[in-house]
Amino acid sequence: MLASHLLDEVEKVCTHVLVLRKGEILYSGKVDEMTSNQGFFELQSNDNSTLKSTLEQHPAVEKINEENDKIVVYLKTSLEAADLNRYLFEKGIVLNHLVKRKNSLEEQFLELTKH
């Protein structure tokens, strides 16, 4: 058992997690289940405006943000990087940056507790 506010450490060491707020259990379960979300992509092409408008048409896309010349795409359903890359290529878009990420335990904690 480990009690810690260092969530990066908890994520690396523990298999299960319990999140408490003023004695109330907000989450109890496996670390992997808490961090298993649809994730998000960081994308970039030579024409980010066309990339963005094309992504808006994809059924798995929930939200799109622009950050530092990259398009950040949040998902509402599962989508593999290869499938997204293929979809965009078929629409005539060639990516020069494609990274799939998932929220960390800390990010999930902040969302769960509303900061």
Protein backbone atom coordinates (compact mmCIF):
# COMPACT_ATOMS: atom_id res chain seq x y z
CA MET A 1 0.00 0.00 0.00
CA LEU A 2 1.29 3.43 -0.95
CA ALA A 3 -0.24 6.78 -0.04
CA SER A 4 1.10 9.51 -2.26
CA HIS A 5 0.29 12.73 -4.06
CA LEU A 6 3.05 11.91 -6.58
CA LEU A 7 0.76 10.39 -9.18
CA ASP A 8 3.54 9.73 -11.67
CA GLU A 9 5.12 7.46 -9.05
CA VAL A 10 1.78 5.77 -8.32
CA GLU A 11 1.24 5.13 -12.04
CA LYS A 12 4.66 3.46 -12.37
CA VAL A 13 4.59 1.39 -9.16
CA CYS A 14 0.98 0.45 -8.41
CA THR A 15 -1.53 -1.84 -10.07
CA HIS A 16 -4.57 -0.48 -8.22
CA VAL A 17 -5.53 3.00 -7.07
CA LEU A 18 -8.06 4.56 -4.71
CA VAL A 19 -8.87 8.25 -5.07
CA LEU A 20 -10.31 9.94 -2.00
CA ARG A 21 -11.64 13.44 -1.48
CA LYS A 22 -12.56 14.40 2.08
CA GLY A 23 -13.18 10.74 2.94
CA GLU A 24 -15.35 10.09 -0.13
CA ILE A 25 -14.19 7.44 -2.63
CA LEU A 26 -14.13 8.99 -6.10
CA TYR A 27 -12.49 6.02 -7.84
CA SER A 28 -11.40 2.54 -6.86
CA GLY A 29 -9.88 0.12 -9.35
CA LYS A 30 -6.96 -0.72 -11.57
CA VAL A 31 -4.57 2.03 -12.60
CA ASP A 32 -4.78 0.84 -16.23
CA GLU A 33 -8.57 1.17 -16.19
CA MET A 34 -8.41 4.69 -14.82
CA THR A 35 -5.91 5.76 -17.46
CA SER A 36 -7.56 3.83 -20.28
CA ASN A 37 -9.31 6.50 -22.24
CA GLN A 38 -9.70 7.08 -25.92
CA GLY A 39 -6.61 9.24 -25.87
CA PHE A 40 -5.65 11.93 -28.31
CA PHE A 41 -3.45 12.55 -31.33
CA GLU A 42 -0.92 15.24 -32.10
CA LEU A 43 -0.89 15.85 -35.85
CA GLN A 44 0.77 18.18 -38.29
CA SER A 45 0.81 18.55 -42.05
CA ASN A 46 1.95 21.20 -44.50
CA ASP A 47 -1.67 22.43 -44.63
CA ASN A 48 -3.08 22.34 -41.11
CA SER A 49 -6.28 24.18 -42.07
CA THR A 50 -7.25 21.41 -44.54
CA LEU A 51 -6.15 18.82 -42.00
CA LYS A 52 -8.41 20.37 -39.38
CA SER A 53 -11.45 20.60 -41.65
CA THR A 54 -10.98 16.98 -42.74
CA LEU A 55 -10.64 15.79 -39.15
CA GLU A 56 -13.90 17.53 -38.23
CA GLN A 57 -15.67 15.07 -40.54
CA HIS A 58 -14.27 11.93 -38.90
CA PRO A 59 -16.84 10.15 -36.67
CA ALA A 60 -14.31 9.27 -33.93
CA VAL A 61 -13.22 12.88 -33.39
CA GLU A 62 -14.71 14.69 -30.41
CA LYS A 63 -12.71 17.93 -30.23
CA ILE A 64 -9.86 19.63 -32.08
CA ASN A 65 -7.42 22.22 -30.71
CA GLU A 66 -4.46 23.97 -32.28
CA GLU A 67 -1.30 24.13 -30.16
CA ASN A 68 2.15 25.28 -31.34
CA ASP A 69 1.62 24.54 -35.06
CA LYS A 70 0.15 21.13 -34.22
CA ILE A 71 -3.43 19.91 -34.32
CA VAL A 72 -4.49 18.10 -31.14
CA VAL A 73 -7.37 15.71 -31.74
CA TYR A 74 -9.41 14.30 -28.85
CA LEU A 75 -11.39 11.12 -29.50
CA LYS A 76 -14.83 9.95 -28.47
CA THR A 77 -14.27 6.40 -29.70
CA SER A 78 -11.20 4.24 -30.14
CA LEU A 79 -9.08 4.92 -33.22
CA GLU A 80 -5.70 3.48 -34.13
CA ALA A 81 -2.98 5.70 -35.54
CA ALA A 82 -2.68 3.59 -38.70
CA ASP A 83 -6.43 3.92 -39.37
CA LEU A 84 -6.35 7.70 -38.93
CA ASN A 85 -3.26 7.99 -41.12
CA ARG A 86 -4.91 5.90 -43.83
CA TYR A 87 -8.13 7.98 -43.65
CA LEU A 88 -6.20 11.23 -44.03
CA PHE A 89 -4.01 9.87 -46.82
CA GLU A 90 -7.12 8.79 -48.75
CA LYS A 91 -8.36 12.40 -48.41
CA GLY A 92 -5.07 13.64 -49.91
CA ILE A 93 -3.43 14.72 -46.64
CA VAL A 94 0.13 13.63 -45.89
CA LEU A 95 1.17 13.98 -42.27
CA ASN A 96 4.64 15.04 -41.18
CA HIS A 97 3.84 14.46 -37.48
CA LEU A 98 1.60 11.79 -35.91
CA VAL A 99 1.73 10.83 -32.23
CA LYS A 100 -0.97 9.04 -30.23
CA ARG A 101 -1.06 9.84 -26.53
CA LYS A 102 -3.23 9.02 -23.54
CA ASN A 103 -3.91 11.06 -20.46
CA SER A 104 -1.66 10.35 -17.50
CA LEU A 105 -2.95 9.27 -14.11
CA GLU A 106 -2.41 12.84 -12.92
CA GLU A 107 -4.51 14.26 -15.77
CA GLN A 108 -7.25 11.72 -15.08
CA PHE A 109 -7.09 12.56 -11.36
CA LEU A 110 -7.49 16.27 -12.08
CA GLU A 111 -10.46 15.56 -14.34
CA LEU A 112 -12.03 13.28 -11.73
CA THR A 113 -11.61 15.74 -8.88
CA LYS A 114 -12.26 18.81 -11.04
CA HIS A 115 -8.91 20.24 -9.92
